[in-house]
C-alpha atoms as a PDB file:
ATOM      1  CA  UNK A   1      -2.415 -10.049   0.369  1.00  0.00           C
ATOM      2  CA  UNK A   2      -1.680  -6.356  -0.622  1.00  0.00           C
ATOM      3  CA  UNK A   3       1.816  -6.310   0.883  1.00  0.00           C
ATOM      4  CA  UNK A   4       5.039  -8.216   0.347  1.00  0.00           C
ATOM      5  CA  UNK A   5       8.293  -8.709   2.151  1.00  0.00           C
ATOM      6  CA  UNK A   6      11.692  -8.631   0.583  1.00  0.00           C
ATOM      7  CA  UNK A   7      14.632  -9.832   2.726  1.00  0.00           C
ATOM      8  CA  UNK A   8      18.021  -9.064   1.282  1.00  0.00           C
ATOM      9  CA  UNK A   9      21.552  -9.454   2.424  1.00  0.00           C
ATOM     10  CA  UNK A  10      24.255  -6.743   2.246  1.00  0.00           C
ATOM     11  CA  UNK A  11      25.256  -7.412  -1.433  1.00  0.00           C
ATOM     12  CA  UNK A  12      21.690  -7.524  -2.717  1.00  0.00           C
ATOM     13  CA  UNK A  13      20.783  -4.394  -0.829  1.00  0.00           C
ATOM     14  CA  UNK A  14      23.775  -2.534  -2.357  1.00  0.00           C
ATOM     15  CA  UNK A  15      22.638  -3.600  -5.873  1.00  0.00           C
ATOM     16  CA  UNK A  16      19.028  -2.559  -5.289  1.00  0.00           C
ATOM     17  CA  UNK A  17      19.723   0.789  -3.710  1.00  0.00           C
ATOM     18  CA  UNK A  18      22.860   1.571  -5.796  1.00  0.00           C
ATOM     19  CA  UNK A  19      24.699   2.634  -2.532  1.00  0.00           C
ATOM     20  CA  UNK A  20      27.859   1.181  -1.206  1.00  0.00           C
ATOM     21  CA  UNK A  21      27.668  -0.782   2.038  1.00  0.00           C
ATOM     22  CA  UNK A  22      28.650   0.911   5.231  1.00  0.00           C
ATOM     23  CA  UNK A  23      30.754  -0.615   8.042  1.00  0.00           C
ATOM     24  CA  UNK A  24      27.973  -0.922  10.559  1.00  0.00           C
ATOM     25  CA  UNK A  25      25.727  -2.556   8.043  1.00  0.00           C
ATOM     26  CA  UNK A  26      28.512  -5.069   7.250  1.00  0.00           C
ATOM     27  CA  UNK A  27      29.040  -5.747  10.915  1.00  0.00           C
ATOM     28  CA  UNK A  28      25.323  -6.443  11.405  1.00  0.00           C
ATOM     29  CA  UNK A  29      25.303  -9.203   8.885  1.00  0.00           C
ATOM     30  CA  UNK A  30      23.613  -7.061   6.185  1.00  0.00           C
ATOM     31  CA  UNK A  31      20.006  -7.809   7.117  1.00  0.00           C
ATOM     32  CA  UNK A  32      17.482  -5.593   5.373  1.00  0.00           C
ATOM     33  CA  UNK A  33      13.681  -6.209   5.434  1.00  0.00           C
ATOM     34  CA  UNK A  34      11.562  -4.175   2.960  1.00  0.00           C
ATOM     35  CA  UNK A  35       7.817  -4.248   3.214  1.00  0.00           C
ATOM     36  CA  UNK A  36       5.860  -2.840   0.216  1.00  0.00           C
ATOM     37  CA  UNK A  37       2.281  -2.070   1.155  1.00  0.00           C
ATOM     38  CA  UNK A  38      -0.416  -1.045  -1.381  1.00  0.00           C
ATOM     39  CA  UNK A  39      -4.242  -0.834  -1.571  1.00  0.00           C
ATOM     40  CA  UNK A  40      -6.071  -3.957  -2.734  1.00  0.00           C
ATOM     41  CA  UNK A  41      -7.105  -3.952  -6.338  1.00  0.00           C
ATOM     42  CA  UNK A  42      -9.952  -6.350  -7.101  1.00  0.00           C
ATOM     43  CA  UNK A  43     -10.658  -5.160 -10.622  1.00  0.00           C
ATOM     44  CA  UNK A  44      -8.062  -5.571 -13.348  1.00  0.00           C
ATOM     45  CA  UNK A  45      -7.803  -3.223 -16.332  1.00  0.00           C
ATOM     46  CA  UNK A  46      -9.321  -6.004 -18.556  1.00  0.00           C
ATOM     47  CA  UNK A  47     -12.134  -6.426 -16.093  1.00  0.00           C
ATOM     48  CA  UNK A  48     -12.699  -2.657 -16.016  1.00  0.00           C
ATOM     49  CA  UNK A  49     -13.102  -2.442 -19.803  1.00  0.00           C
ATOM     50  CA  UNK A  50     -15.425  -5.517 -19.689  1.00  0.00           C
ATOM     51  CA  UNK A  51     -17.466  -3.886 -16.994  1.00  0.00           C
ATOM     52  CA  UNK A  52     -17.803  -0.690 -19.063  1.00  0.00           C
ATOM     53  CA  UNK A  53     -18.835  -2.715 -22.096  1.00  0.00           C
ATOM     54  CA  UNK A  54     -21.502  -4.596 -20.015  1.00  0.00           C
ATOM     55  CA  UNK A  55     -22.694  -1.310 -18.518  1.00  0.00           C
ATOM     56  CA  UNK A  56     -22.989   0.234 -22.037  1.00  0.00           C
ATOM     57  CA  UNK A  57     -24.974  -2.801 -23.190  1.00  0.00           C
ATOM     58  CA  UNK A  58     -27.221  -2.611 -20.136  1.00  0.00           C
ATOM     59  CA  UNK A  59     -27.884   1.001 -20.924  1.00  0.00           C
ATOM     60  CA  UNK A  60     -28.467   0.679 -24.628  1.00  0.00           C
ATOM     61  CA  UNK A  61     -30.596  -2.500 -24.800  1.00  0.00           C
ATOM     62  CA  UNK A  62     -33.614  -0.730 -23.157  1.00  0.00           C
ATOM     63  CA  UNK A  63     -33.084   2.248 -25.510  1.00  0.00           C
ATOM     64  CA  UNK A  64     -33.675   0.043 -28.458  1.00  0.00           C
ATOM     65  CA  UNK A  65     -37.423   0.248 -27.803  1.00  0.00           C
ATOM     66  CA  UNK A  66     -37.198   3.975 -28.482  1.00  0.00           C
ATOM     67  CA  UNK A  67     -35.367   3.803 -31.875  1.00  0.00           C
ATOM     68  CA  UNK A  68     -36.940   6.120 -34.348  1.00  0.00           C
ATOM     69  CA  UNK A  69     -38.686   8.233 -31.732  1.00  0.00           C
ATOM     70  CA  UNK A  70     -37.940  11.564 -30.170  1.00  0.00           C
ATOM     71  CA  UNK A  71     -37.734   9.987 -26.708  1.00  0.00           C
ATOM     72  CA  UNK A  72     -34.450   8.285 -27.676  1.00  0.00           C
ATOM     73  CA  UNK A  73     -32.835  11.690 -28.040  1.00  0.00           C
ATOM     74  CA  UNK A  74     -34.158  12.696 -24.599  1.00  0.00           C
ATOM     75  CA  UNK A  75     -32.857   9.618 -22.856  1.00  0.00           C
ATOM     76  CA  UNK A  76     -29.523   9.234 -24.650  1.00  0.00           C
ATOM     77  CA  UNK A  77     -27.774  12.190 -22.841  1.00  0.00           C
ATOM     78  CA  UNK A  78     -28.632  10.719 -19.450  1.00  0.00           C
ATOM     79  CA  UNK A  79     -27.346   7.353 -20.588  1.00  0.00           C
ATOM     80  CA  UNK A  80     -24.022   8.807 -21.791  1.00  0.00           C
ATOM     81  CA  UNK A  81     -23.623  10.940 -18.591  1.00  0.00           C
ATOM     82  CA  UNK A  82     -24.088   7.815 -16.451  1.00  0.00           C
ATOM     83  CA  UNK A  83     -21.557   5.819 -18.530  1.00  0.00           C
ATOM     84  CA  UNK A  84     -19.082   8.696 -18.349  1.00  0.00           C
ATOM     85  CA  UNK A  85     -19.586   9.137 -14.559  1.00  0.00           C
ATOM     86  CA  UNK A  86     -18.960   5.302 -14.135  1.00  0.00           C
ATOM     87  CA  UNK A  87     -15.736   5.540 -16.126  1.00  0.00           C
ATOM     88  CA  UNK A  88     -14.551   8.656 -14.266  1.00  0.00           C
ATOM     89  CA  UNK A  89     -15.184   7.204 -10.791  1.00  0.00           C
ATOM     90  CA  UNK A  90     -13.444   3.923 -11.574  1.00  0.00           C
ATOM     91  CA  UNK A  91     -10.508   5.802 -13.155  1.00  0.00           C
ATOM     92  CA  UNK A  92     -10.313   7.987  -9.946  1.00  0.00           C
ATOM     93  CA  UNK A  93     -10.267   4.873  -7.842  1.00  0.00           C
ATOM     94  CA  UNK A  94      -7.375   3.505  -9.876  1.00  0.00           C
ATOM     95  CA  UNK A  95      -5.480   6.832  -9.370  1.00  0.00           C
ATOM     96  CA  UNK A  96      -6.066   6.720  -5.648  1.00  0.00           C
ATOM     97  CA  UNK A  97      -4.812   3.141  -5.644  1.00  0.00           C
ATOM     98  CA  UNK A  98      -1.291   4.276  -6.731  1.00  0.00           C
ATOM     99  CA  UNK A  99      -0.521   4.932  -3.012  1.00  0.00           C
ATOM    100  CA  UNK A 100       2.469   2.895  -1.783  1.00  0.00           C
ATOM    101  CA  UNK A 101       4.021   2.584   1.626  1.00  0.00           C
ATOM    102  CA  UNK A 102       7.549   1.220   1.897  1.00  0.00           C
ATOM    103  CA  UNK A 103       8.924   0.105   5.201  1.00  0.00           C
ATOM    104  CA  UNK A 104      12.570  -0.634   5.367  1.00  0.00           C
ATOM    105  CA  UNK A 105      14.059  -2.249   8.452  1.00  0.00           C
ATOM    106  CA  UNK A 106      17.808  -2.601   9.015  1.00  0.00           C
ATOM    107  CA  UNK A 107      19.715  -3.085  12.246  1.00  0.00           C
ATOM    108  CA  UNK A 108      20.425   0.608  12.342  1.00  0.00           C
ATOM    109  CA  UNK A 109      17.075   2.165  11.477  1.00  0.00           C
ATOM    110  CA  UNK A 110      13.446   1.781  10.374  1.00  0.00           C
ATOM    111  CA  UNK A 111      12.391   3.978   7.506  1.00  0.00           C
ATOM    112  CA  UNK A 112       8.851   4.480   6.264  1.00  0.00           C
ATOM    113  CA  UNK A 113       8.318   6.216   2.968  1.00  0.00           C
ATOM    114  CA  UNK A 114       4.730   6.967   1.813  1.00  0.00           C
ATOM    115  CA  UNK A 115       4.208   7.857  -1.891  1.00  0.00           C
ATOM    116  CA  UNK A 116       0.841   9.613  -2.127  1.00  0.00           C
ATOM    117  CA  UNK A 117      -1.197   9.525  -5.436  1.00  0.00           C
ATOM    118  CA  UNK A 118      -0.663  13.333  -5.832  1.00  0.00           C
ATOM    119  CA  UNK A 119       3.088  12.783  -6.064  1.00  0.00           C
ATOM    120  CA  UNK A 120       4.046  13.975  -2.574  1.00  0.00           C
ATOM    121  CA  UNK A 121       6.236  11.801  -0.415  1.00  0.00           C
ATOM    122  CA  UNK A 122       6.208  11.536   3.364  1.00  0.00           C
ATOM    123  CA  UNK A 123       9.128  10.091   5.322  1.00  0.00           C
ATOM    124  CA  UNK A 124       9.661   8.872   8.922  1.00  0.00           C
ATOM    125  CA  UNK A 125      12.822   7.343  10.473  1.00  0.00           C
ATOM    126  CA  UNK A 126      13.591   5.855  13.832  1.00  0.00           C
ATOM    127  CA  UNK A 127      16.010   3.525  15.652  1.00  0.00           C
ATOM    128  CA  UNK A 128      14.585  -0.081  15.742  1.00  0.00           C
ATOM    129  CA  UNK A 129      15.433  -0.396  19.439  1.00  0.00           C
ATOM    130  CA  UNK A 130      13.049   2.362  20.396  1.00  0.00           C
ATOM    131  CA  UNK A 131      10.176   1.695  17.966  1.00  0.00           C
ATOM    132  CA  UNK A 132       6.923   0.398  19.322  1.00  0.00           C
ATOM    133  CA  UNK A 133       4.280  -1.236  17.151  1.00  0.00           C
ATOM    134  CA  UNK A 134       0.735  -0.797  18.426  1.00  0.00           C
ATOM    135  CA  UNK A 135      -2.500  -2.350  17.210  1.00  0.00           C
ATOM    136  CA  UNK A 136      -5.130  -0.120  18.815  1.00  0.00           C
ATOM    137  CA  UNK A 137      -8.780  -0.911  19.059  1.00  0.00           C
ATOM    138  CA  UNK A 138      -9.757   2.628  20.069  1.00  0.00           C
ATOM    139  CA  UNK A 139      -8.500   4.138  16.729  1.00  0.00           C
ATOM    140  CA  UNK A 140     -10.595   5.492  13.833  1.00  0.00           C
ATOM    141  CA  UNK A 141     -10.699   1.999  12.292  1.00  0.00           C
ATOM    142  CA  UNK A 142     -10.605  -1.545  13.732  1.00  0.00           C
ATOM    143  CA  UNK A 143      -7.109  -2.794  14.446  1.00  0.00           C
ATOM    144  CA  UNK A 144      -5.484   0.660  13.987  1.00  0.00           C
ATOM    145  CA  UNK A 145      -1.778  -0.041  13.285  1.00  0.00           C
ATOM    146  CA  UNK A 146       0.794   2.593  14.363  1.00  0.00           C
ATOM    147  CA  UNK A 147       4.512   2.838  14.672  1.00  0.00           C
ATOM    148  CA  UNK A 148       5.934   5.051  17.407  1.00  0.00           C
ATOM    149  CA  UNK A 149       9.455   6.354  17.657  1.00  0.00           C
ATOM    150  CA  UNK A 150      11.677   9.438  17.436  1.00  0.00           C
ATOM    151  CA  UNK A 151       8.854  11.400  19.099  1.00  0.00           C
ATOM    152  CA  UNK A 152       6.223  10.686  16.431  1.00  0.00           C
ATOM    153  CA  UNK A 153       3.519   8.136  15.934  1.00  0.00           C
ATOM    154  CA  UNK A 154       2.534   7.232  12.401  1.00  0.00           C
ATOM    155  CA  UNK A 155      -0.282   5.212  10.951  1.00  0.00           C
ATOM    156  CA  UNK A 156       0.566   2.269   8.741  1.00  0.00           C
ATOM    157  CA  UNK A 157      -1.635   0.370   6.264  1.00  0.00           C
ATOM    158  CA  UNK A 158      -4.832   2.457   6.747  1.00  0.00           C
ATOM    159  CA  UNK A 159      -6.178   0.975   3.533  1.00  0.00           C
ATOM    160  CA  UNK A 160      -5.730  -2.665   4.620  1.00  0.00           C
ATOM    161  CA  UNK A 161      -8.427  -4.796   6.171  1.00  0.00           C
ATOM    162  CA  UNK A 162      -8.316  -5.412  10.001  1.00  0.00           C
ATOM    163  CA  UNK A 163      -7.067  -8.911   9.496  1.00  0.00           C
ATOM    164  CA  UNK A 164      -4.301  -7.822   7.093  1.00  0.00           C
ATOM    165  CA  UNK A 165      -3.207  -5.164   9.640  1.00  0.00           C
ATOM    166  CA  UNK A 166      -2.843  -7.968  12.248  1.00  0.00           C
ATOM    167  CA  UNK A 167      -0.772 -10.031   9.895  1.00  0.00           C
ATOM    168  CA  UNK A 168       1.398  -7.036   8.924  1.00  0.00           C
ATOM    169  CA  UNK A 169       1.936  -6.237  12.656  1.00  0.00           C
ATOM    170  CA  UNK A 170       3.157  -9.809  13.264  1.00  0.00           C
ATOM    171  CA  UNK A 171       5.541  -9.714  10.218  1.00  0.00           C
ATOM    172  CA  UNK A 172       6.914  -6.299  11.237  1.00  0.00           C
ATOM    173  CA  UNK A 173       7.483  -7.440  14.861  1.00  0.00           C
ATOM    174  CA  UNK A 174       9.348 -10.494  13.536  1.00  0.00           C
ATOM    175  CA  UNK A 175      11.520  -8.342  11.218  1.00  0.00           C
ATOM    176  CA  UNK A 176      12.261  -5.785  13.935  1.00  0.00           C
ATOM    177  CA  UNK A 177      13.187  -8.613  16.411  1.00  0.00           C
ATOM    178  CA  UNK A 178      15.576 -10.130  13.881  1.00  0.00           C
ATOM    179  CA  UNK A 179      17.112  -6.809  13.004  1.00  0.00           C
ATOM    180  CA  UNK A 180      17.606  -6.020  16.760  1.00  0.00           C
ATOM    181  CA  UNK A 181      19.230  -9.424  17.343  1.00  0.00           C
ATOM    182  CA  UNK A 182      21.596  -8.925  14.351  1.00  0.00           C
ATOM    183  CA  UNK A 183      23.400  -6.102  16.140  1.00  0.00           C
ATOM    184  CA  UNK A 184      23.523  -7.740  19.578  1.00  0.00           C
ATOM    185  CA  UNK A 185      26.998  -8.823  20.691  1.00  0.00           C
ATOM    186  CA  UNK A 186      27.616 -12.578  20.517  1.00  0.00           C
ATOM    187  CA  UNK A 187      24.118 -13.091  19.150  1.00  0.00           C
ATOM    188  CA  UNK A 188      22.383 -12.021  22.442  1.00  0.00           C
ATOM    189  CA  UNK A 189      19.403  -9.660  21.836  1.00  0.00           C
END
């Protein structure tokens, strides 16, 4: 699954973030849920190099019939261009796969930080009491997952499969419910 959940208490959260704990955070019991979401990677680097080697062999074996002829020199540039294009497109895919979305849920706020492959960062924050999670069927993709709060609606996990977006929605709802109940007086939420 291309996402994972980290649940930390107040002391662990302070060590991770490097920040000192605040009074409301202590009062709420120090719950912090952090979801890290990334695109699925089915091809490892070792597999990538193995694929390039197999592609090179698949291109050069048929060229062996043309050894010692002028036709080899006419076919070789096309073979090299095809191999270079294969390498470039897979490398581009790896670069695009550096996208990461971080969702941090505390009793006081929900924060979404999206780190784009080009280095830009987008942020969104809202109060967990007012955030609504929606799994829409009428969106641009099946099971379009959005968070709505603070006057904005953002898309989450666009690169996940429809089933993974359903599972992420359930996990987010559970974390938000637990965060909301942590701040309720006498445990009533």
